[in-house]
Amino acid sequence: MFFVTRREIFSAAHRLYNPKFSDEENERIFGKCSNPNWHGHNYILEVIVAGEINPETGYLIDLKLLKEIIIKNIIDKVDHKNLNTETDFMSGIIPTAENIAAAVWNQLVDKIPDGKLYSVKIYETENNYFEYRGE
């Protein structure tokens, strides 16, 4: 089994906020991340594909193609956007890094033509990353 990873970087704003909670409760749970004026991160996204090498190409998946898939389906929709209000696949979802990773998975899982989507990692800060491997 081989693993191929493509890394992309994007910048996005968000607010961690549950409309079911009062402003005070949101601030207690999410702290500074519930700022009504938003805050942002420079995220690192890693998409890992697993599978066997095609003996005719020597590739598991063509990295140029994987890059195009990620750019079209994720980066174009999230880079320099507000995840709460401008990103269709995050609509109605509290944009925690955990939920972002799961939403990215859902956007990509059926679009990988060679191999199989193995993992999505979201690095929110230098010290914190989140990994999702499907349901």
Protein backbone atom coordinates (compact mmCIF):
# COMPACT_ATOMS: atom_id res chain seq x y z
CA MET A 1 0.00 0.00 0.00
CA PHE A 2 1.33 3.42 -1.02
CA PHE A 3 0.31 6.83 0.30
CA VAL A 4 0.50 10.06 -1.69
CA THR A 5 0.00 13.42 -0.01
CA ARG A 6 -0.83 16.76 -1.61
CA ARG A 7 -0.50 19.87 0.53
CA GLU A 8 -2.30 23.15 -0.12
CA ILE A 9 -2.51 26.36 1.91
CA PHE A 10 -5.47 28.68 2.28
CA SER A 11 -6.49 31.64 4.40
CA ALA A 12 -10.00 31.91 5.74
CA ALA A 13 -12.05 33.66 8.40
CA HIS A 14 -14.62 32.06 10.65
CA ARG A 15 -16.54 32.39 13.88
CA LEU A 16 -17.21 29.50 16.21
CA TYR A 17 -20.79 30.13 17.18
CA ASN A 18 -23.86 28.03 17.82
CA PRO A 19 -27.06 30.03 17.22
CA LYS A 20 -28.83 27.84 19.79
CA PHE A 21 -26.63 29.36 22.51
CA SER A 22 -26.67 32.86 23.96
CA ASP A 23 -23.74 35.16 23.19
CA GLU A 24 -22.50 34.55 26.73
CA GLU A 25 -22.66 30.77 26.33
CA ASN A 26 -20.88 30.93 22.97
CA GLU A 27 -18.13 33.05 24.52
CA ARG A 28 -17.83 30.63 27.45
CA ILE A 29 -17.53 27.60 25.14
CA PHE A 30 -15.56 29.04 22.21
CA GLY A 31 -13.72 31.94 23.88
CA LYS A 32 -11.99 34.38 21.50
CA CYS A 33 -12.96 32.15 18.58
CA SER A 34 -16.56 33.36 19.01
CA ASN A 35 -15.66 36.98 18.23
CA PRO A 36 -18.66 38.44 16.36
CA ASN A 37 -16.22 40.27 14.06
CA TRP A 38 -14.63 36.97 12.97
CA HIS A 39 -11.02 35.84 13.10
CA GLY A 40 -8.86 33.95 10.65
CA HIS A 41 -6.19 31.34 10.11
CA ASN A 42 -3.66 30.40 7.50
CA TYR A 43 -4.68 26.77 7.17
CA ILE A 44 -2.62 23.94 5.75
CA LEU A 45 -4.62 21.18 4.08
CA GLU A 46 -3.15 17.75 3.44
CA VAL A 47 -5.04 15.26 1.31
CA ILE A 48 -3.71 11.69 1.47
CA VAL A 49 -4.61 9.09 -1.15
CA ALA A 50 -3.85 5.38 -0.62
CA GLY A 51 -3.57 2.56 -3.12
CA GLU A 52 -1.33 0.62 -5.43
CA ILE A 53 0.93 1.95 -8.13
CA ASN A 54 -0.29 1.65 -11.70
CA PRO A 55 2.45 -0.36 -13.44
CA GLU A 56 1.82 1.46 -16.74
CA THR A 57 2.42 4.95 -15.27
CA GLY A 58 4.40 4.34 -12.10
CA TYR A 59 1.88 6.58 -10.31
CA LEU A 60 -0.65 5.87 -7.62
CA ILE A 61 -2.30 9.13 -8.70
CA ASP A 62 -0.98 11.91 -10.90
CA LEU A 63 -0.17 14.72 -8.44
CA LYS A 64 -1.02 17.35 -11.05
CA LEU A 65 -4.52 15.88 -11.29
CA LEU A 66 -4.86 15.62 -7.50
CA LYS A 67 -3.85 19.28 -7.21
CA GLU A 68 -6.49 20.29 -9.78
CA ILE A 69 -9.18 18.34 -7.89
CA ILE A 70 -8.28 19.98 -4.57
CA ILE A 71 -8.07 23.48 -6.06
CA LYS A 72 -11.40 23.19 -7.88
CA ASN A 73 -13.38 21.53 -5.10
CA ILE A 74 -11.84 23.09 -1.99
CA ILE A 75 -9.30 25.91 -2.34
CA ASP A 76 -11.32 27.99 -4.82
CA LYS A 77 -14.25 27.80 -2.37
CA VAL A 78 -12.42 28.58 0.89
CA ASP A 79 -9.37 30.73 0.18
CA HIS A 80 -9.85 34.29 1.44
CA LYS A 81 -13.47 33.49 2.28
CA ASN A 82 -15.60 33.51 5.39
CA LEU A 83 -16.31 29.85 6.17
CA ASN A 84 -19.55 30.73 7.98
CA THR A 85 -21.10 32.79 5.20
CA GLU A 86 -19.32 32.23 1.88
CA THR A 87 -18.55 28.52 1.66
CA ASP A 88 -21.41 26.40 0.39
CA PHE A 89 -20.19 23.09 1.77
CA MET A 90 -19.82 24.59 5.27
CA SER A 91 -23.34 26.04 5.35
CA GLY A 92 -25.05 25.33 8.67
CA ILE A 93 -21.91 23.72 10.16
CA ILE A 94 -19.91 25.23 13.03
CA PRO A 95 -16.55 25.71 11.28
CA THR A 96 -14.29 24.03 13.82
CA ALA A 97 -11.18 22.46 12.33
CA GLU A 98 -12.75 19.05 12.98
CA ASN A 99 -15.83 19.98 10.96
CA ILE A 100 -13.73 21.55 8.21
CA ALA A 101 -11.75 18.31 7.83
CA ALA A 102 -14.95 16.23 7.62
CA ALA A 103 -16.53 18.65 5.13
CA VAL A 104 -13.42 18.57 2.92
CA TRP A 105 -13.52 14.77 3.03
CA ASN A 106 -17.14 14.81 1.90
CA GLN A 107 -16.27 17.11 -1.00
CA LEU A 108 -13.39 14.93 -2.22
CA VAL A 109 -14.25 11.32 -1.38
CA ASP A 110 -16.03 10.57 -4.68
CA LYS A 111 -13.73 12.69 -6.85
CA ILE A 112 -10.47 10.75 -6.49
CA PRO A 113 -10.08 8.74 -9.74
CA ASP A 114 -7.12 6.56 -8.73
CA GLY A 115 -6.54 5.02 -5.34
CA LYS A 116 -8.82 5.88 -2.45
CA LEU A 117 -9.06 8.95 -0.24
CA TYR A 118 -7.31 7.88 2.96
CA SER A 119 -7.15 10.99 5.12
CA VAL A 120 -7.71 14.73 5.28
CA LYS A 121 -5.59 16.81 7.65
CA ILE A 122 -6.23 20.42 8.57
CA TYR A 123 -3.47 22.36 10.30
CA GLU A 124 -5.13 25.31 12.00
CA THR A 125 -2.01 26.53 13.78
CA GLU A 126 1.59 25.48 14.00
CA ASN A 127 0.73 23.33 17.02
CA ASN A 128 -2.78 22.04 16.23
CA TYR A 129 -3.89 19.76 13.45
CA PHE A 130 -6.95 17.62 12.90
CA GLU A 131 -7.23 14.43 10.86
CA TYR A 132 -10.32 12.76 9.41
CA ARG A 133 -10.38 9.32 7.82
CA GLY A 134 -14.00 9.01 6.83
CA GLU A 135 -16.93 7.43 8.54
